[in-house]
Protein backbone atom coordinates (compact mmCIF):
# COMPACT_ATOMS: atom_id res chain seq x y z
CA TRP A 1 -76.08 41.39 18.94
CA GLY A 2 -77.36 38.59 21.18
CA ASP A 3 -76.27 38.19 24.79
CA PRO A 4 -73.54 40.82 25.48
CA SER A 5 -71.78 38.34 27.78
CA THR A 6 -71.32 35.78 25.01
CA ALA A 7 -71.61 37.71 21.71
CA ARG A 8 -68.44 37.88 19.65
CA VAL A 9 -67.60 40.60 17.13
CA LEU A 10 -65.14 40.10 14.26
CA LEU A 11 -64.14 43.24 12.36
CA SER A 12 -62.29 43.54 9.07
CA GLY A 13 -61.09 46.29 6.77
CA MET A 14 -59.52 49.65 7.58
CA ILE A 15 -60.75 49.50 11.18
CA GLY A 16 -57.74 47.22 11.73
CA SER A 17 -55.22 49.53 10.05
CA ARG A 18 -52.61 51.61 11.88
CA ASN A 19 -55.06 54.52 11.57
CA GLY A 20 -58.02 52.43 12.73
CA TRP A 21 -59.35 51.32 16.12
CA VAL A 22 -56.80 48.57 16.85
CA GLU A 23 -54.00 47.69 14.45
CA ALA A 24 -53.95 44.11 13.19
CA PRO A 25 -50.57 43.72 11.45
CA TYR A 26 -50.55 42.29 7.94
CA ALA A 27 -50.17 38.54 7.49
CA SER A 28 -47.94 37.45 4.64
CA CYS A 29 -48.89 35.54 1.51
CA PRO A 30 -49.31 32.77 0.71
CA ALA A 31 -52.02 32.69 3.37
CA SER A 32 -54.84 30.23 4.02
CA LEU A 33 -57.99 30.91 6.00
CA ALA A 34 -56.35 29.19 8.97
CA ASP A 35 -53.24 31.41 8.65
CA VAL A 36 -55.38 34.54 8.78
CA ALA A 37 -57.45 33.18 11.68
CA ARG A 38 -54.25 32.66 13.70
CA ALA A 39 -53.23 36.28 13.04
CA VAL A 40 -56.54 37.80 14.24
CA VAL A 41 -55.87 40.40 16.95
CA PRO A 42 -58.17 40.65 20.00
CA HIS A 43 -59.13 44.03 21.41
CA PRO A 44 -56.83 44.73 24.37
CA GLU A 45 -59.75 45.49 26.70
CA HIS A 46 -62.68 43.62 25.14
CA SER A 47 -61.68 40.01 24.53
CA ARG A 48 -64.83 39.23 22.54
CA ILE A 49 -63.97 41.86 19.91
CA ALA A 50 -61.26 40.93 17.40
CA PHE A 51 -59.72 42.39 14.24
CA VAL A 52 -58.88 40.55 11.02
CA PRO A 53 -55.39 41.30 9.67
CA GLY A 54 -54.89 42.41 6.12
CA LEU A 55 -52.42 40.68 3.83
CA ASN A 56 -49.15 41.69 2.21
CA CYS A 57 -47.16 40.10 -0.58
CA VAL A 58 -44.53 40.67 -3.20
CA ASN A 59 -46.75 40.81 -6.26
CA PRO A 60 -45.96 39.25 -9.67
CA ALA A 61 -44.34 42.51 -10.76
CA GLY A 62 -41.87 42.20 -7.88
CA ARG A 63 -43.38 45.04 -5.82
CA PHE A 64 -44.61 45.04 -2.23
CA ASP A 65 -48.42 45.16 -2.09
CA VAL A 66 -51.09 45.21 0.62
CA MET A 67 -54.82 44.64 1.06
CA ARG A 68 -57.14 45.09 4.00
CA GLY A 69 -60.72 43.83 3.91
CA GLU A 70 -60.65 42.26 0.46
CA GLU A 71 -59.05 39.10 1.88
CA VAL A 72 -62.28 38.39 3.79
CA GLN A 73 -64.30 38.69 0.58
CA VAL A 74 -61.91 36.35 -1.23
CA PHE A 75 -62.14 33.75 1.53
CA GLY A 76 -65.93 34.06 1.37
CA ALA A 77 -65.78 33.26 -2.34
CA LEU A 78 -63.37 30.37 -1.79
CA SER A 79 -65.61 28.94 0.93
CA GLN A 80 -68.15 28.09 -1.77
CA GLY A 81 -65.87 25.34 -3.02
CA GLY A 82 -64.40 24.63 -6.41
CA GLY A 83 -60.73 24.34 -5.47
CA GLY A 84 -57.80 24.53 -7.81
CA ASP A 85 -56.23 27.67 -9.24
CA ARG A 86 -58.46 30.74 -9.47
CA LEU A 87 -58.06 34.42 -10.27
CA LEU A 88 -60.43 36.88 -8.64
CA CYS A 89 -60.85 40.57 -9.41
CA LEU A 90 -62.34 43.00 -6.88
CA PRO A 91 -63.05 46.25 -8.77
CA GLY A 92 -63.18 49.50 -6.84
CA THR A 93 -61.21 52.56 -5.81
CA HIS A 94 -58.14 50.35 -5.58
CA SER A 95 -58.91 47.23 -7.61
CA LYS A 96 -57.40 43.96 -6.43
CA TRP A 97 -56.46 40.99 -8.60
CA VAL A 98 -55.97 37.95 -6.40
CA SER A 99 -54.40 34.63 -7.37
CA CYS A 100 -55.64 31.68 -5.28
CA ARG A 101 -55.14 27.96 -5.00
CA ASP A 102 -57.69 25.85 -3.13
CA ASP A 103 -58.34 27.77 0.14
CA ALA A 104 -55.22 29.97 0.05
CA ILE A 105 -54.39 33.41 -1.34
CA LEU A 106 -51.05 33.11 -3.16
CA THR A 107 -50.39 36.66 -4.32
CA PHE A 108 -52.20 39.75 -5.57
CA ALA A 109 -51.75 43.08 -7.34
CA THR A 110 -53.50 46.43 -6.94
CA ALA A 111 -54.56 49.01 -9.55
CA MET A 112 -55.68 52.53 -8.55
CA THR A 113 -58.23 52.58 -11.34
CA GLY A 114 -61.26 53.90 -9.47
CA GLU A 115 -59.28 56.66 -7.78
CA ALA A 116 -57.61 57.61 -11.06
CA PHE A 117 -61.03 57.82 -12.74
CA ASP A 118 -62.33 60.21 -10.07
CA ILE A 119 -59.22 62.37 -10.17
CA MET A 120 -59.17 62.57 -13.95
CA ARG A 121 -62.84 63.42 -14.34
CA GLN A 122 -62.92 65.97 -11.50
CA HIS A 123 -59.47 67.50 -11.12
CA SER A 124 -57.67 67.31 -14.47
CA ILE A 125 -58.11 69.00 -17.83
CA LEU A 126 -60.36 66.06 -18.76
CA LYS A 127 -63.08 67.51 -16.52
CA LEU A 128 -63.77 69.97 -19.36
CA SER A 129 -64.86 67.02 -21.51
CA MET A 130 -67.02 65.22 -18.94
CA GLU A 131 -70.81 65.36 -18.98
CA ALA A 132 -72.39 67.34 -16.17
CA GLU A 133 -74.25 64.29 -14.84
CA ALA A 134 -73.60 60.60 -15.19
CA ALA A 135 -76.26 58.68 -17.09
CA ALA A 136 -78.16 55.95 -15.27
CA ALA A 137 -76.96 53.30 -17.72
CA VAL A 138 -73.56 52.83 -19.29
CA ASP A 139 -73.16 54.02 -22.88
CA GLU A 140 -71.84 50.71 -24.15
CA GLU A 141 -70.58 52.06 -27.46
CA SER A 142 -68.53 54.77 -25.74
CA PHE A 143 -67.23 52.35 -23.11
CA ASP A 144 -66.22 49.82 -25.78
CA ALA A 145 -64.43 52.56 -27.72
CA GLY A 146 -62.43 53.39 -24.59
CA VAL A 147 -61.53 49.75 -24.04
CA GLY A 148 -60.43 49.55 -27.67
CA ALA A 149 -58.28 52.67 -27.30
CA SER A 150 -56.52 51.10 -24.31
CA LYS A 151 -55.13 48.43 -26.64
CA THR A 152 -53.54 50.89 -29.07
CA ALA A 153 -49.94 52.08 -29.10
CA GLY A 154 -48.77 55.11 -27.16
CA GLY A 155 -49.28 54.11 -23.53
CA LEU A 156 -51.88 55.23 -21.00
CA LEU A 157 -50.55 58.75 -20.44
CA ASN A 158 -50.75 59.48 -24.16
CA GLN A 159 -54.17 57.87 -24.38
CA LEU A 160 -55.48 59.96 -21.47
CA PHE A 161 -54.72 63.23 -23.22
CA GLY A 162 -56.37 61.68 -26.23
CA VAL A 163 -59.66 61.84 -24.30
CA ARG A 164 -59.49 65.63 -24.40
CA ALA A 165 -58.28 65.70 -27.99
CA LEU A 166 -61.07 63.35 -29.06
CA ASP A 167 -63.63 65.65 -27.46
CA LEU A 168 -62.22 68.63 -29.36
CA SER A 169 -62.22 66.72 -32.65
CA GLY A 170 -65.97 67.19 -33.01
CA ALA A 171 -67.59 64.62 -35.24
CA ASP A 172 -65.79 61.59 -33.78
CA ARG A 173 -66.60 62.47 -30.18
CA PRO A 174 -68.11 59.50 -28.26
CA GLY A 175 -71.62 59.94 -26.92
CA SER A 176 -70.36 59.73 -23.34
CA MET A 177 -66.86 60.92 -22.52
CA ARG A 178 -67.28 59.60 -18.96
CA ASP A 179 -67.89 56.09 -20.23
CA TYR A 180 -65.10 56.43 -22.79
CA LEU A 181 -62.69 57.38 -19.97
CA SER A 182 -64.02 54.53 -17.85
CA GLY A 183 -63.43 52.06 -20.68
CA LEU A 184 -59.94 53.42 -21.29
CA LEU A 185 -58.88 53.01 -17.66
CA ILE A 186 -60.54 49.64 -17.07
CA GLY A 187 -59.22 48.34 -20.38
CA SER A 188 -55.71 49.46 -19.43
CA GLU A 189 -56.05 47.72 -16.08
CA VAL A 190 -57.27 44.48 -17.64
CA GLY A 191 -54.45 44.53 -20.19
CA ALA A 192 -51.80 45.13 -17.53
CA MET A 193 -53.13 42.41 -15.25
CA GLN A 194 -53.22 39.94 -18.15
CA GLY A 195 -49.46 40.42 -18.24
CA LEU A 196 -49.11 39.69 -14.52
CA PHE A 197 -51.61 36.82 -14.38
CA PRO A 198 -51.53 35.13 -17.82
CA HIS A 199 -53.38 32.08 -19.10
CA GLN A 200 -56.73 32.83 -17.47
CA SER A 201 -59.91 31.75 -19.25
CA THR A 202 -62.37 32.69 -16.46
CA ILE A 203 -62.17 35.32 -13.72
CA THR A 204 -64.40 35.73 -10.68
CA LEU A 205 -65.55 39.32 -10.10
CA ILE A 206 -66.52 40.51 -6.62
CA GLY A 207 -68.22 43.89 -6.43
CA ALA A 208 -71.26 46.03 -7.12
CA ASP A 209 -73.27 44.87 -10.12
CA ALA A 210 -72.80 48.03 -12.20
CA LEU A 211 -69.02 48.16 -11.84
CA ALA A 212 -68.60 44.39 -12.15
CA GLY A 213 -70.61 44.61 -15.37
CA ARG A 214 -68.11 47.05 -16.84
CA TYR A 215 -65.22 44.75 -15.97
CA ALA A 216 -67.03 41.73 -17.39
CA ARG A 217 -67.55 43.64 -20.64
CA ALA A 218 -63.87 44.63 -20.83
CA LEU A 219 -62.80 41.05 -20.06
CA ARG A 220 -65.05 39.66 -22.81
CA SER A 221 -63.31 41.90 -25.31
CA CYS A 222 -60.12 40.04 -24.38
CA GLY A 223 -61.75 36.62 -24.75
CA ILE A 224 -62.03 36.06 -20.98
CA ALA A 225 -65.26 34.91 -19.36
CA ALA A 226 -66.35 36.33 -16.01
CA GLU A 227 -68.58 35.17 -13.18
CA SER A 228 -69.82 37.66 -10.58
CA LEU A 229 -70.37 37.47 -6.82
CA THR A 230 -71.90 40.15 -4.61
CA SER A 231 -69.39 41.78 -2.25
CA GLU A 232 -71.77 42.04 0.72
CA VAL A 233 -72.62 38.34 0.53
CA VAL A 234 -69.05 37.05 0.32
CA THR A 235 -67.95 39.45 3.09
CA VAL A 236 -70.42 37.83 5.49
CA GLN A 237 -69.44 34.36 4.27
CA GLY A 238 -65.77 35.12 4.82
CA LEU A 239 -66.30 36.50 8.33
CA VAL A 240 -68.45 33.51 9.28
CA ALA A 241 -65.81 31.09 7.98
CA LEU A 242 -63.11 32.90 9.97
CA SER A 243 -65.17 33.15 13.16
CA LYS A 244 -65.54 29.37 13.28
CA ILE A 245 -61.79 28.78 13.58
CA VAL A 246 -60.56 31.87 15.46
CA ASN A 247 -59.08 31.07 18.88
CA TRP A 248 -61.06 33.52 20.99
CA PRO A 249 -59.39 34.46 24.31
CA GLY A 250 -60.64 32.41 27.25
CA GLU A 251 -62.15 29.65 25.08
């Protein structure tokens, strides 16, 4: 922590939400690193502690959307250079797809894919088809079959019940119903986001290796290449980039 009299602490994520320690109101997109730095909120009693605001936008589907924490990771990725138009995907409980230009976040859209996966496998009829324990490695054949099913007619709700029906069918049951369900949901997400963010040939993934690998596999099935960055690394890079331009009180 260094010298307590001079150390500065910059916090991001849900700690700055209305249910967190100190609320840092959302900044609006499009937003550059400098825009977010200007909206950083200092702690009311500890001037060397500050909170990064999240972002809001009207997404490409015309709906209001929010993020909190992911913006720091995106700015960390953008700080590595490259410029131009980019699309980043941050898989997770609530996956974010973020459209950027140069050093600015233009707009984004959220998919509740991770949360839906947990609910479906633990609290729906589909739990009767799930394996007792998840395998250490993904069953690629089952996952690919789920991704393929996401591209068929009928819509996601119909396809979800098809997970249970496929299990009951016997001979055609995938080796891993968990990975089949994972492929179905991720494939549906990728297909939907292709509609919101068309004409992408390469997407940058930010997340844990295992989950990013699933998304990369689903993207490849759509003819889209993916590059991956580690979330912990870009989080630090984003916070460092912000800390250099924040106007700290008294300085």
